[in-house]
Structures are given as structure tokens and as C-alpha cells.
């Protein structure tokens, strides 16, 4: 419904227009009226009508002055002027202001309905174009985030030359020019309570992520990337005399925002050591990523540093040089650690003193059984059968006293427990994706389908769904939706007699021109050429390959 406001000093005509037209029948809501422009203007500013109908000659403020002010403040409002004078000068002024309709009195009900229908048609067209533009911006933004993530993965892996880094960054419109660089790694997850799975979406987690994203978008010295569902990475840029200050500022701002969600979000942050060249940033990331892995042995420390590990060692080693194993550390690692971190965790758990302790048969067996029992408890909490964990033959090996064998046994226990957890996590992601893909399959023909709509339907945040989509399917949400629509477009072109300009509306696009451009971009030919057999289309080519 479009909002209509009427300004007319003749009470008979004002009441006649108000009462004789069934506004809702024609797609409008009658929101109010006034007897002159001066009385009308504050009401118009508050209501922000889509359609303004105003007389041209009124006391205190005439219709042309009112229209000029409204056009300046509310450029999207359509204006129709009513005049009792057949004066070309008035018409000229109205045209210059940008008035849509110039009507001469007396006005019949039929004529007014005709004018309203025409103005509604124009509003519908404008709204459609705006929606298409917003959809384009959303698609472009999501694709940009996907591309940024892929770029960062290559950057962190160290597989790109300096020339390739600069070239890719330029294509993504990323300003990476600086003399020094550093990485800050941020781990965010929902707080686990009791036996709850911490890898779940919560409103608090979504709110915190949004606040952090908005902060980093406003700071050009920081570039934010998403590493996976739970981890973000910030590339800090600056001169050699700035980089330490900017790194500290980045960590401080993260802490300030995360502190607001204490008890609701599990968070840890770590920074690497600055480097002087882009080709060395992979080493910087590896260091920051190693430090963030201390989170499961230092769960109460939000800001992790190399000193965190040293403090932990001092607090846990006994004066005799032998140690006890805290089962909760094992549980913490199994809950939030990754397969890539197993060896790091083993080094942390078996430092120099504990390496000596393993020479004791009693400690070696105690160490293996402690980790085994905690891992067993962990997988049972996941709902998995203990029989699927380790074979009876392997359990016999836990009696081994050899230090090397003890390390190997514990390493295998950790890996197998993590693999079971990863499988359960994948099942969770799969369940989410099944719901999302099912919703898309049922609604992709509707032009209102978007990442936000689907996320709301399955009760997760858009950013969480986007991350899971990219991680599990290997393409963006928009990319998948577009592929789905293009496949249906190809089918309709091949198997129906629908005209090319009718097909967009059948698959969720309002603008035939936008559809045509997208079809050519994705299929390698125009819809007309595809139907005529001039080209095979990229989607069909991929299927044949």
C-alpha cells in the first residue's frame, strides 16, 4: 500500500476526494489531509507519503511552494497538482519542480482513479528497480566476502608471490600498501553450558560479530577476514613505528566489545609479530594461530601471548618435576581444538618436565588413561557409542610404558576424538544446509528470497549461514541461488513456449534486462541465442563434461 496525503483548501472537494474513492482497493492508504501548505508540511515530514495531491492556489503556502519543499526533502514522493486555472505558466513551474501530474478542475472520480493508477505504476517500477539494485548490492557484497576469504587463505598459506598478492588485492579493491604488517586472530564461539554443544548460533554471538564487523569497516588500517565459522583474522597495516600501536589498538578494541558479552560468548584473541614484507605474512599468521591455540590450556585468559604458556607451565609443574594432568584441559581441547592443533597441544601438554615424567611407568600409564577416559566421556556426551571409539586391541596398548609409544597413543586418541566431533559438527552443518537448500528449492522462484530470509527461516544469523554455506558447499549463497535459477531458466527456454521476457518473473527476477545480463554472464550466451541453439550454455557444458 502506498501512502497518500491530500492538501486542498476547499472543504467540499477535500472531503469528496477523501470519502468517494476506495483507496485500499487501488493500492493506497489515505494517511491524512490539510487545508493549506503551511499546515500540511509538518504532517508530510512526519508521514512521508508516497503520493502527494495538492491544490495549487491556497492561503498561507501555495501548492507550488509546498511541492518544491517536498521534492527537496522527499525526492521519492510523487506529486499531483490540482489547479482551477488553465495557465501555461503554472504548468511550466510544476514541470520544473518535478511534479508528476497537472490536473485541471473539476476532477471526476474516474479521472482521479486513472491518475492514481498511473502514479502507482511508476512507484511499482521504481520500487522494483530499487529492490533489484539492493539485490545486486547484496550479491556483490557476498561475492566480495567470499573472494576476500579465498584471497586470505592463499595469503596465509604463503603460496602467492608479492606480485600475485598485489594484483589480486587490486582486483578485490583491497588497500594492502604498507611498510609493516601484523595479524590478529580472534576466536569467537557461543559459551558451552553443561553438555551443550558450543558450536551453535546465539543472538549474543551474532550481535557481537556485527559490532566487530562495523568497527573494522570504519578503520582502514585494519582488514577483516573470516577464516572459518568460529575464527576471524585481522590484517593490521602501518609504518614500522605505528604497527605495534595499531596492533595493540586492534586487540584493545576487540576486548572492549567482547567484554560486553562476558558469560555469553567464549572469546580469545592473539597477535603475531610484525613483518616488513607481504611475502612474510604467512609466518606472522602461523605464529598468531599457534598462540591462539593456547586457548584450551589457558581458558581464563582472553588475550593470549607466548607468556601465557610460560605462566601455565609454572602454575602446573610440581616442585618434584612430575606433573598431574588436568582432565579439563583435555576436554577443552577436544571441545574447541582442531586437527591441525593436535601436535601443538601435545607439545604444550608434554613440555620438558612432563617429557621426563613419561619415563616413569606409573606416570606414563596414568597420562594415557587420563586422556583416554576424558576422550571417552567427551564422545559419549556427543551421543556417540564408546564401542566406535577405540578397538580392544588399542586399549591394551595403553598399558605401554615406553615414552614414544605413550605419546603416539595419546596423539591417536585425540585425533580420533576430534574426527568424531568433526563428523558430528558436519552433521549439524548438514542439517542446517538441508533446511536452507530445501527452503531455496521451494522458494527460489520468488523475488523476495535472500540470505536474510533463509537465515531467519532456519533461525541462524545471515553471517553464520553465509560462512557455513561457503565452507561446506564451496560457493556463496547467492552463487548457489543464481545457479538454481539459471538451471530453471535453461529448462524453460528449452521446454516451454514462454517468451524470453516472461521467464525472469518465473524464476525470481523482476527486471528482464538484469536477468538477460546475468544469464549471459553465467551461461556464456543470451537467452535468445541459447533457445536458438547458437550456443550450448555453460551450465549444460559443465554437465556434459
Protein backbone atom coordinates (compact mmCIF):
# COMPACT_ATOMS: atom_id res chain seq x y z
CA UNK A 1 0.00 0.00 0.00
CA UNK A 2 1.29 3.46 -0.91
CA UNK A 3 0.57 6.35 1.48
CA UNK A 4 -1.46 9.29 0.09
CA UNK A 5 -1.72 12.79 1.57
CA UNK A 6 -4.15 15.46 0.31
CA UNK A 7 -3.82 19.25 0.56
CA UNK A 8 -6.91 21.18 -0.55
CA UNK A 9 -8.40 24.39 0.86
CA UNK A 10 -11.93 23.72 -0.47
CA UNK A 11 -13.50 21.54 2.20
CA UNK A 12 -16.17 20.13 -0.14
CA UNK A 13 -13.58 18.91 -2.63
CA UNK A 14 -11.25 17.65 0.12
CA UNK A 15 -13.98 15.59 1.75
CA UNK A 16 -15.26 14.44 -1.62
CA UNK A 17 -11.88 13.01 -2.66
CA UNK A 18 -11.34 11.52 0.79
CA UNK A 19 -14.71 9.78 1.00
CA UNK A 20 -15.65 8.81 -2.55
CA UNK A 21 -12.52 6.86 -3.50
CA UNK A 22 -11.95 3.37 -2.12
CA UNK A 23 -8.24 3.99 -1.60
CA UNK A 24 -7.29 0.48 -0.46
CA UNK A 25 -8.98 -1.08 -3.48
CA UNK A 26 -6.50 0.74 -5.71
CA UNK A 27 -3.43 0.01 -3.56
CA UNK A 28 -3.31 3.14 -1.38
CA UNK A 29 -3.65 4.15 2.27
CA UNK A 30 -5.21 7.55 2.90
CA UNK A 31 -2.93 8.97 5.63
CA UNK A 32 -4.36 12.47 6.13
CA UNK A 33 -5.13 15.90 4.70
CA UNK A 34 -4.73 19.61 5.39
CA UNK A 35 -6.31 22.89 4.23
CA UNK A 36 -3.08 24.64 3.18
CA UNK A 37 0.61 24.05 2.62
CA UNK A 38 1.76 25.55 5.89
CA UNK A 39 -0.43 23.18 7.92
CA UNK A 40 0.43 20.28 5.67
CA UNK A 41 4.25 20.49 5.67
CA UNK A 42 4.96 19.24 9.25
CA UNK A 43 2.45 16.41 8.74
CA UNK A 44 4.09 15.46 5.44
CA UNK A 45 7.52 15.46 7.06
CA UNK A 46 6.22 13.06 9.71
CA UNK A 47 4.16 10.77 7.46
CA UNK A 48 6.50 10.80 4.43
CA UNK A 49 3.73 9.96 1.93
CA UNK A 50 4.43 8.17 -1.33
CA UNK A 51 1.82 10.29 -3.14
CA UNK A 52 1.03 13.98 -2.51
CA UNK A 53 -2.06 15.53 -4.08
CA UNK A 54 -2.16 19.29 -3.62
CA UNK A 55 -4.16 22.28 -4.84
CA UNK A 56 -2.07 24.98 -6.50
CA UNK A 57 -3.79 28.08 -5.09
CA UNK A 58 -4.13 28.08 -1.28
CA UNK A 59 -3.68 30.63 1.53
CA UNK A 60 -0.51 30.85 3.65
CA UNK A 61 1.51 28.49 1.40
CA UNK A 62 0.55 27.60 -2.16
CA UNK A 63 0.91 24.22 -3.83
CA UNK A 64 3.95 25.12 -5.90
CA UNK A 65 5.93 26.26 -2.85
CA UNK A 66 4.85 23.15 -0.93
CA UNK A 67 5.76 20.90 -3.87
CA UNK A 68 9.19 22.50 -4.16
CA UNK A 69 9.92 21.86 -0.47
CA UNK A 70 8.63 18.30 -0.62
CA UNK A 71 10.67 17.49 -3.74
CA UNK A 72 13.79 18.74 -1.97
CA UNK A 73 13.20 16.82 1.28
CA UNK A 74 11.34 13.73 -0.01
CA UNK A 75 12.53 13.17 -3.59
CA UNK A 76 10.78 9.80 -3.86
CA UNK A 77 7.32 11.29 -3.21
CA UNK A 78 5.17 11.57 -6.35
CA UNK A 79 3.24 14.85 -6.62
CA UNK A 80 0.00 15.64 -8.42
CA UNK A 81 -1.11 19.28 -8.59
CA UNK A 82 -4.75 20.32 -8.91
CA UNK A 83 -5.41 23.70 -10.49
CA UNK A 84 -8.53 25.70 -11.29
CA UNK A 85 -6.57 27.74 -13.81
CA UNK A 86 -5.65 26.80 -17.34
CA UNK A 87 -2.43 28.80 -17.15
CA UNK A 88 0.63 27.54 -19.02
CA UNK A 89 2.92 29.41 -16.59
CA UNK A 90 1.71 27.27 -13.68
CA UNK A 91 2.27 24.14 -15.72
CA UNK A 92 5.80 25.24 -16.61
CA UNK A 93 6.63 25.85 -12.95
CA UNK A 94 5.18 22.48 -11.99
CA UNK A 95 7.28 20.73 -14.63
CA UNK A 96 10.45 22.45 -13.40
CA UNK A 97 9.73 21.32 -9.83
CA UNK A 98 9.25 17.72 -11.00
CA UNK A 99 5.51 17.32 -10.50
CA UNK A 100 4.15 14.09 -11.98
CA UNK A 101 0.59 15.20 -12.83
CA UNK A 102 -1.07 18.58 -13.50
CA UNK A 103 -4.87 18.31 -13.25
CA UNK A 104 -7.49 20.92 -14.04
CA UNK A 105 -10.68 21.27 -12.02
CA UNK A 106 -13.31 19.97 -11.97
CA UNK A 107 -11.91 16.49 -11.43
CA UNK A 108 -14.08 13.42 -11.81
CA UNK A 109 -13.69 10.33 -9.67
CA UNK A 110 -12.78 8.33 -12.79
CA UNK A 111 -10.06 10.80 -13.76
CA UNK A 112 -8.55 10.75 -10.26
CA UNK A 113 -8.53 6.94 -10.21
CA UNK A 114 -6.83 6.94 -13.61
CA UNK A 115 -4.14 9.33 -12.34
CA UNK A 116 -3.63 7.30 -9.18
CA UNK A 117 -3.23 4.10 -11.22
CA UNK A 118 -0.57 5.74 -13.37
CA UNK A 119 1.33 7.05 -10.34
CA UNK A 120 1.11 3.63 -8.66
CA UNK A 121 2.56 2.03 -11.78
CA UNK A 122 5.52 4.41 -11.64
CA UNK A 123 6.03 3.75 -7.93
CA UNK A 124 5.90 -0.01 -8.54
CA UNK A 125 8.53 0.35 -11.23
CA UNK A 126 10.80 2.45 -9.02
CA UNK A 127 10.43 0.08 -6.06
CA UNK A 128 11.23 -2.84 -8.36
CA UNK A 129 14.38 -1.13 -9.61
CA UNK A 130 15.42 -0.31 -6.06
CA UNK A 131 14.86 -3.87 -4.95
CA UNK A 132 16.89 -5.15 -7.90
CA UNK A 133 19.65 -2.68 -7.06
CA UNK A 134 19.63 -3.73 -3.40
CA UNK A 135 19.74 -7.37 -4.51
CA UNK A 136 22.68 -6.56 -6.76
CA UNK A 137 24.50 -4.81 -3.91
CA UNK A 138 23.85 -7.76 -1.59
CA UNK A 139 25.08 -10.25 -4.18
CA UNK A 140 28.15 -8.15 -4.88
CA UNK A 141 28.91 -7.83 -1.16
CA UNK A 142 28.54 -11.56 -0.52
CA UNK A 143 30.71 -12.45 -3.51
CA UNK A 144 33.30 -9.92 -2.31
CA UNK A 145 33.40 -11.53 1.14
CA UNK A 146 33.78 -14.97 -0.44
CA UNK A 147 36.62 -13.72 -2.67
CA UNK A 148 38.30 -11.96 0.26
CA UNK A 149 38.23 -15.19 2.24
CA UNK A 150 39.81 -17.14 -0.62
CA UNK A 151 42.46 -14.42 -1.00
CA UNK A 152 43.28 -14.53 2.69
CA UNK A 153 43.54 -18.33 2.68
CA UNK A 154 46.16 -18.07 -0.09
CA UNK A 155 47.90 -15.22 1.71
CA UNK A 156 48.07 -17.13 4.99
CA UNK A 157 49.30 -20.28 3.26
CA UNK A 158 52.21 -18.38 1.72
CA UNK A 159 51.51 -19.69 -1.77
CA UNK A 160 51.44 -16.32 -3.57
CA UNK A 161 54.26 -14.15 -4.85
CA UNK A 162 54.33 -10.46 -3.95
CA UNK A 163 53.19 -9.59 -7.49
CA UNK A 164 50.25 -12.01 -7.28
CA UNK A 165 49.29 -10.63 -3.87
CA UNK A 166 49.19 -7.04 -5.13
CA UNK A 167 47.37 -7.99 -8.33
CA UNK A 168 44.66 -9.97 -6.51
CA UNK A 169 44.27 -7.27 -3.86
CA UNK A 170 43.76 -4.66 -6.57
CA UNK A 171 41.07 -6.80 -8.21
CA UNK A 172 39.28 -7.06 -4.85
CA UNK A 173 39.74 -3.33 -4.19
CA UNK A 174 41.79 -4.05 -1.06
CA UNK A 175 44.36 -1.49 0.01
CA UNK A 176 47.27 -3.54 1.33
CA UNK A 177 50.02 -0.97 0.76
CA UNK A 178 52.09 -0.55 3.92
CA UNK A 179 55.62 -0.88 5.22
CA UNK A 180 54.76 -3.27 8.04
CA UNK A 181 52.10 -5.90 8.71
CA UNK A 182 50.79 -8.00 11.56
CA UNK A 183 47.98 -10.49 12.13
CA UNK A 184 45.48 -10.57 14.97
CA UNK A 185 43.46 -13.81 15.27
CA UNK A 186 40.09 -13.74 17.04
CA UNK A 187 38.23 -16.85 18.17
CA UNK A 188 34.50 -16.40 18.87
CA UNK A 189 32.06 -19.08 19.93
CA UNK A 190 28.93 -19.49 21.97
CA UNK A 191 29.51 -20.37 25.62
CA UNK A 192 29.10 -24.03 26.44
CA UNK A 193 26.88 -24.80 29.41
CA UNK A 194 26.77 -28.35 30.78
CA UNK A 195 26.72 -30.80 27.91
CA UNK A 196 25.69 -28.17 25.32
CA UNK A 197 27.46 -28.05 22.02
CA UNK A 198 29.30 -24.69 21.94
CA UNK A 199 29.30 -24.59 18.12
CA UNK A 200 25.85 -23.11 17.91
CA UNK A 201 24.30 -19.81 16.89
CA UNK A 202 23.08 -17.39 19.57
CA UNK A 203 21.77 -13.82 19.41
CA UNK A 204 24.62 -12.64 21.64
CA UNK A 205 27.21 -14.14 19.29
CA UNK A 206 25.52 -12.60 16.25
CA UNK A 207 25.30 -9.16 17.92
CA UNK A 208 28.97 -9.22 18.90
CA UNK A 209 30.07 -10.25 15.41
CA UNK A 210 28.03 -7.42 13.90
CA UNK A 211 29.58 -4.84 16.25
CA UNK A 212 33.09 -6.05 15.43
CA UNK A 213 32.42 -6.01 11.67
CA UNK A 214 31.09 -2.43 11.86
CA UNK A 215 34.14 -1.31 13.82
CA UNK A 216 36.65 -2.78 11.38
CA UNK A 217 34.77 -1.46 8.35
CA UNK A 218 35.28 2.05 9.73
CA UNK A 219 39.06 1.59 10.24
CA UNK A 220 41.12 1.47 7.00
CA UNK A 221 44.25 0.42 8.91
CA UNK A 222 42.61 -2.96 9.56
CA UNK A 223 41.39 -5.57 7.07
CA UNK A 224 38.98 -8.14 8.47
CA UNK A 225 38.73 -11.66 7.03
CA UNK A 226 36.73 -14.69 8.08
CA UNK A 227 38.89 -17.81 8.48
CA UNK A 228 36.12 -20.25 9.38
CA UNK A 229 32.81 -20.35 11.26
CA UNK A 230 34.45 -19.52 14.61
CA UNK A 231 37.59 -17.58 13.67
CA UNK A 232 38.23 -14.10 12.28
CA UNK A 233 41.59 -12.68 11.26
CA UNK A 234 42.61 -9.01 11.10
CA UNK A 235 45.47 -7.86 8.89
CA UNK A 236 46.99 -4.82 10.61
CA UNK A 237 48.83 -2.31 8.39
CA UNK A 238 51.14 0.59 9.21
CA UNK A 239 54.61 2.07 9.25
CA UNK A 240 57.29 0.40 11.41
CA UNK A 241 56.76 2.98 14.17
CA UNK A 242 52.95 2.51 14.03
CA UNK A 243 52.48 -1.23 13.71
CA UNK A 244 52.86 -2.14 17.40
CA UNK A 245 50.50 0.67 18.46
CA UNK A 246 47.92 -0.32 15.85
CA UNK A 247 48.17 -3.99 16.83
CA UNK A 248 47.62 -3.11 20.47
CA UNK A 249 44.72 -0.84 19.47
CA UNK A 250 43.15 -3.66 17.49
CA UNK A 251 43.34 -6.05 20.46
CA UNK A 252 42.07 -3.37 22.85
CA UNK A 253 39.02 -2.61 20.70
CA UNK A 254 38.22 -6.30 20.36
CA UNK A 255 38.46 -6.74 24.14
CA UNK A 256 36.23 -3.73 24.82
CA UNK A 257 33.44 -5.12 22.66
CA UNK A 258 33.83 -8.73 23.76
CA UNK A 259 33.77 -7.77 27.45
CA UNK A 260 30.14 -6.68 26.99
CA UNK A 261 29.23 -10.33 26.35
CA UNK A 262 31.13 -11.93 29.22
CA UNK A 263 29.47 -15.22 30.10
CA UNK A 264 27.54 -15.31 26.81
CA UNK A 265 30.40 -15.65 24.32
CA UNK A 266 33.64 -17.61 24.57
CA UNK A 267 36.37 -15.45 23.05
CA UNK A 268 40.16 -15.35 22.76
CA UNK A 269 42.48 -13.08 20.81
CA UNK A 270 46.17 -13.35 19.90
CA UNK A 271 48.61 -11.29 17.83
CA UNK A 272 51.69 -12.30 15.87
CA UNK A 273 54.98 -10.47 15.47
CA UNK A 274 55.14 -7.69 12.82
CA UNK A 275 56.85 -8.35 9.49
CA UNK A 276 58.25 -5.91 6.95
CA UNK A 277 57.06 -7.55 3.72
CA UNK A 278 53.89 -9.16 2.39
CA UNK A 279 55.67 -12.32 1.35
CA UNK A 280 56.42 -12.98 5.05
CA UNK A 281 52.89 -12.52 6.42
CA UNK A 282 52.26 -16.27 6.28
CA UNK A 283 54.89 -16.71 9.01
CA UNK A 284 53.19 -13.99 11.02
CA UNK A 285 49.83 -15.73 10.70
CA UNK A 286 51.31 -19.11 11.66
CA UNK A 287 52.68 -17.59 14.84
CA UNK A 288 49.40 -15.86 15.77
CA UNK A 289 47.49 -19.06 15.00
CA UNK A 290 49.84 -21.05 17.23
CA UNK A 291 49.33 -18.62 20.11
CA UNK A 292 45.53 -18.71 19.78
CA UNK A 293 45.78 -22.49 20.24
CA UNK A 294 46.73 -21.82 23.89
CA UNK A 295 43.03 -21.07 24.50
CA UNK A 296 42.28 -24.63 25.62
CA UNK A 297 45.07 -24.75 28.19
CA UNK A 298 44.53 -21.13 29.30
CA UNK A 299 40.73 -20.93 29.11
CA UNK A 300 40.50 -17.99 31.51
CA UNK A 301 42.89 -15.78 29.54
CA UNK A 302 41.14 -13.85 26.77
CA UNK A 303 44.30 -12.14 25.45
CA UNK A 304 46.83 -14.87 24.71
CA UNK A 305 50.58 -14.30 24.33
CA UNK A 306 53.70 -16.51 24.39
CA UNK A 307 53.92 -15.63 28.09
CA UNK A 308 50.53 -17.31 28.62
CA UNK A 309 52.10 -20.72 28.02
CA UNK A 310 55.05 -19.98 30.28
CA UNK A 311 52.73 -18.88 33.08
CA UNK A 312 50.66 -22.02 32.65
CA UNK A 313 53.76 -24.24 32.82
CA UNK A 314 54.92 -22.57 36.03
CA UNK A 315 51.50 -22.95 37.63
CA UNK A 316 51.10 -26.64 36.77
CA UNK A 317 54.56 -28.18 37.24
CA UNK A 318 55.25 -29.64 40.67
CA UNK A 319 58.44 -28.95 42.56
CA UNK A 320 59.48 -32.56 42.08
CA UNK A 321 59.41 -32.18 38.32
CA UNK A 322 56.48 -34.58 37.91
CA UNK A 323 53.07 -33.32 36.88
CA UNK A 324 49.44 -34.17 37.08
CA UNK A 325 47.23 -33.95 34.02
CA UNK A 326 44.19 -31.71 34.33
CA UNK A 327 41.36 -33.61 32.57
CA UNK A 328 39.52 -30.33 31.97
CA UNK A 329 42.34 -29.18 29.69
CA UNK A 330 41.84 -32.27 27.58
CA UNK A 331 38.09 -31.65 27.49
CA UNK A 332 38.67 -28.00 26.49
CA UNK A 333 40.91 -29.04 23.65
CA UNK A 334 38.52 -31.69 22.40
CA UNK A 335 35.71 -29.12 22.53
CA UNK A 336 37.33 -26.28 20.59
CA UNK A 337 40.64 -27.56 19.21
CA UNK A 338 41.31 -28.64 15.65
CA UNK A 339 43.19 -31.49 13.99
CA UNK A 340 45.88 -29.04 12.92
CA UNK A 341 46.48 -28.17 16.58
CA UNK A 342 46.98 -31.69 17.93
CA UNK A 343 50.78 -31.62 17.72
CA UNK A 344 50.92 -28.14 19.25
CA UNK A 345 48.70 -29.29 22.10
CA UNK A 346 50.91 -32.35 22.64
CA UNK A 347 53.99 -30.11 22.90
CA UNK A 348 52.19 -27.84 25.36
CA UNK A 349 50.86 -30.73 27.40
CA UNK A 350 54.19 -32.56 27.34
CA UNK A 351 56.75 -29.84 27.92
CA UNK A 352 60.25 -30.54 29.10
CA UNK A 353 59.29 -31.55 32.64
CA UNK A 354 56.47 -33.79 31.54
CA UNK A 355 58.70 -35.39 28.95
CA UNK A 356 60.89 -36.51 31.82
CA UNK A 357 57.82 -37.61 33.76
CA UNK A 358 56.87 -40.01 30.96
CA UNK A 359 59.96 -42.08 31.80
CA UNK A 360 58.02 -43.17 34.86
CA UNK A 361 55.95 -46.26 34.06
CA UNK A 362 53.28 -45.20 36.52
CA UNK A 363 53.01 -41.64 35.10
CA UNK A 364 53.06 -42.88 31.50
CA UNK A 365 50.09 -45.18 32.09
CA UNK A 366 48.32 -42.54 34.18
CA UNK A 367 48.79 -39.99 31.40
CA UNK A 368 47.38 -42.28 28.70
CA UNK A 369 44.40 -43.40 30.77
CA UNK A 370 43.55 -39.83 31.84
CA UNK A 371 43.37 -38.65 28.24
CA UNK A 372 41.56 -41.81 27.13
CA UNK A 373 38.86 -41.61 29.84
CA UNK A 374 38.27 -37.90 29.24
CA UNK A 375 38.03 -38.51 25.48
CA UNK A 376 35.62 -41.38 26.09
CA UNK A 377 33.45 -39.15 28.30
CA UNK A 378 33.56 -36.45 25.61
CA UNK A 379 32.38 -38.62 22.71
CA UNK A 380 29.64 -40.17 24.83
CA UNK A 381 28.41 -36.63 25.61
CA UNK A 382 28.18 -36.13 21.84
CA UNK A 383 25.79 -39.06 21.70
CA UNK A 384 28.27 -41.46 20.08
CA UNK A 385 28.84 -45.07 21.11
CA UNK A 386 32.02 -45.79 23.05
CA UNK A 387 32.41 -49.05 21.09
CA UNK A 388 33.08 -46.99 17.97
CA UNK A 389 35.92 -45.10 19.59
CA UNK A 390 38.89 -47.43 20.05
CA UNK A 391 39.34 -51.14 19.44
CA UNK A 392 40.00 -53.55 22.32
CA UNK A 393 43.46 -54.13 20.84
CA UNK A 394 44.26 -50.43 21.12
CA UNK A 395 43.08 -50.29 24.73
CA UNK A 396 45.63 -52.99 25.56
CA UNK A 397 48.33 -50.73 24.12
CA UNK A 398 47.51 -48.10 26.78
CA UNK A 399 49.46 -50.22 29.26
CA UNK A 400 52.64 -49.45 27.30
CA UNK A 401 55.24 -47.57 29.34
CA UNK A 402 57.56 -46.55 26.51
CA UNK A 403 57.52 -42.66 26.26
CA UNK A 404 57.39 -42.63 22.46
CA UNK A 405 54.55 -45.16 22.38
CA UNK A 406 52.67 -43.24 25.09
CA UNK A 407 52.90 -40.06 23.03
CA UNK A 408 51.72 -41.89 19.90
CA UNK A 409 48.79 -43.46 21.76
CA UNK A 410 47.61 -40.15 23.21
CA UNK A 411 48.01 -38.46 19.85
CA UNK A 412 45.84 -41.11 18.20
CA UNK A 413 43.20 -40.80 20.93
CA UNK A 414 42.99 -37.04 20.42
CA UNK A 415 42.82 -37.35 16.65
CA UNK A 416 40.09 -39.97 16.71
CA UNK A 417 38.02 -37.99 19.24
CA UNK A 418 38.35 -34.84 17.11
CA UNK A 419 37.38 -36.74 13.98
CA UNK A 420 34.21 -37.94 15.72
CA UNK A 421 33.46 -34.37 16.84
CA UNK A 422 34.09 -33.06 13.33
CA UNK A 423 31.71 -35.64 11.95
CA UNK A 424 29.02 -34.54 14.41
CA UNK A 425 29.70 -30.88 13.57
CA UNK A 426 29.41 -31.69 9.88
CA UNK A 427 26.10 -33.36 10.61
CA UNK A 428 24.97 -30.16 12.33
CA UNK A 429 26.09 -28.09 9.35
CA UNK A 430 24.48 -30.59 7.02
CA UNK A 431 21.19 -30.34 8.89
CA UNK A 432 21.33 -26.56 8.58
CA UNK A 433 22.16 -26.77 4.89
CA UNK A 434 19.42 -29.34 4.27
CA UNK A 435 16.92 -26.88 5.75
CA UNK A 436 18.40 -23.98 3.80
CA UNK A 437 18.57 -25.84 0.49
CA UNK A 438 15.06 -27.20 0.94
CA UNK A 439 13.76 -23.66 1.52
CA UNK A 440 15.63 -22.40 -1.55
CA UNK A 441 14.29 -25.26 -3.68
CA UNK A 442 10.73 -24.37 -2.66
CA UNK A 443 11.05 -20.59 -2.93
CA UNK A 444 13.78 -19.73 -5.47
CA UNK A 445 11.13 -18.58 -7.95
CA UNK A 446 10.12 -15.79 -5.55
CA UNK A 447 11.92 -12.46 -5.96
CA UNK A 448 11.96 -11.93 -2.17
CA UNK A 449 14.31 -14.84 -1.44
CA UNK A 450 17.57 -13.64 0.11
CA UNK A 451 20.27 -14.72 2.53
CA UNK A 452 18.48 -12.84 5.33
CA UNK A 453 15.15 -14.52 4.59
CA UNK A 454 16.62 -18.03 4.56
CA UNK A 455 18.69 -17.37 7.70
CA UNK A 456 15.59 -16.18 9.53
CA UNK A 457 13.67 -19.25 8.37
CA UNK A 458 16.23 -21.67 9.86
CA UNK A 459 16.93 -19.47 12.92
CA UNK A 460 20.59 -18.55 12.38
CA UNK A 461 22.30 -15.25 11.63
CA UNK A 462 22.95 -14.34 7.98
CA UNK A 463 26.71 -14.18 8.59
CA UNK A 464 26.70 -17.65 10.18
CA UNK A 465 24.71 -19.12 7.31
CA UNK A 466 26.98 -17.41 4.78
CA UNK A 467 30.08 -18.86 6.47
CA UNK A 468 28.62 -22.38 6.65
CA UNK A 469 27.46 -22.14 3.04
CA UNK A 470 30.88 -21.09 1.78
CA UNK A 471 32.73 -23.61 3.95
CA UNK A 472 30.57 -26.63 3.21
CA UNK A 473 29.38 -26.03 -0.36
CA UNK A 474 32.34 -24.06 -1.68
CA UNK A 475 30.30 -21.21 -3.14
CA UNK A 476 28.30 -18.26 -1.90
CA UNK A 477 24.60 -18.36 -1.07
CA UNK A 478 23.91 -16.00 -3.98
CA UNK A 479 26.04 -18.11 -6.30
CA UNK A 480 24.00 -21.19 -5.44
CA UNK A 481 20.69 -19.34 -5.79
CA UNK A 482 21.74 -17.88 -9.13
CA UNK A 483 22.84 -21.31 -10.38
CA UNK A 484 19.49 -22.77 -9.34
CA UNK A 485 17.59 -20.03 -11.16
CA UNK A 486 19.74 -20.25 -14.29
CA UNK A 487 19.22 -24.01 -14.50
CA UNK A 488 15.46 -23.44 -14.37
CA UNK A 489 15.78 -20.65 -16.96
CA UNK A 490 17.58 -23.04 -19.31
CA UNK A 491 14.84 -25.62 -18.82
CA UNK A 492 12.10 -23.09 -19.53
CA UNK A 493 13.89 -21.86 -22.64
CA UNK A 494 14.27 -25.41 -23.95
CA UNK A 495 10.98 -26.99 -22.90
CA UNK A 496 8.35 -24.22 -22.91
CA UNK A 497 6.98 -21.56 -25.24
CA UNK A 498 7.36 -18.77 -22.68
CA UNK A 499 8.80 -15.58 -24.18
CA UNK A 500 12.27 -14.59 -23.03
CA UNK A 501 10.89 -11.54 -21.24
CA UNK A 502 8.36 -13.70 -19.36
CA UNK A 503 10.93 -16.12 -17.96
CA UNK A 504 12.59 -13.72 -15.44
CA UNK A 505 9.34 -13.38 -13.46
CA UNK A 506 9.07 -17.19 -13.36
CA UNK A 507 12.43 -17.58 -11.62
CA UNK A 508 12.51 -14.62 -9.24
CA UNK A 509 13.76 -11.67 -11.27
CA UNK A 510 11.69 -8.51 -11.75
CA UNK A 511 13.92 -6.88 -14.35
CA UNK A 512 14.23 -8.75 -17.68
CA UNK A 513 17.33 -6.73 -18.57
CA UNK A 514 19.07 -7.73 -15.32
CA UNK A 515 18.14 -11.37 -15.97
CA UNK A 516 19.47 -11.19 -19.52
CA UNK A 517 22.81 -9.78 -18.35
CA UNK A 518 23.09 -12.39 -15.61
CA UNK A 519 22.17 -15.20 -17.99
CA UNK A 520 24.84 -14.14 -20.46
CA UNK A 521 27.42 -13.82 -17.69
CA UNK A 522 26.71 -17.28 -16.27
CA UNK A 523 25.78 -19.24 -19.41
CA UNK A 524 28.05 -17.60 -21.97
CA UNK A 525 25.25 -16.56 -24.33
CA UNK A 526 21.99 -14.60 -24.43
CA UNK A 527 18.66 -16.31 -23.66
CA UNK A 528 17.64 -15.86 -27.29
CA UNK A 529 20.86 -17.43 -28.56
CA UNK A 530 20.52 -20.30 -26.07
CA UNK A 531 16.98 -21.06 -27.20
CA UNK A 532 18.01 -20.87 -30.83
CA UNK A 533 20.84 -23.32 -30.28
CA UNK A 534 23.54 -20.80 -31.16
CA UNK A 535 25.48 -21.73 -28.04
CA UNK A 536 25.24 -24.64 -25.68
CA UNK A 537 25.38 -22.66 -22.44
CA UNK A 538 28.00 -23.05 -19.72
CA UNK A 539 25.74 -24.98 -17.32
CA UNK A 540 24.96 -27.64 -19.95
CA UNK A 541 28.59 -27.73 -20.97
CA UNK A 542 29.56 -28.40 -17.36
CA UNK A 543 27.01 -31.22 -17.13
CA UNK A 544 28.34 -32.84 -20.31
CA UNK A 545 31.89 -32.53 -19.05
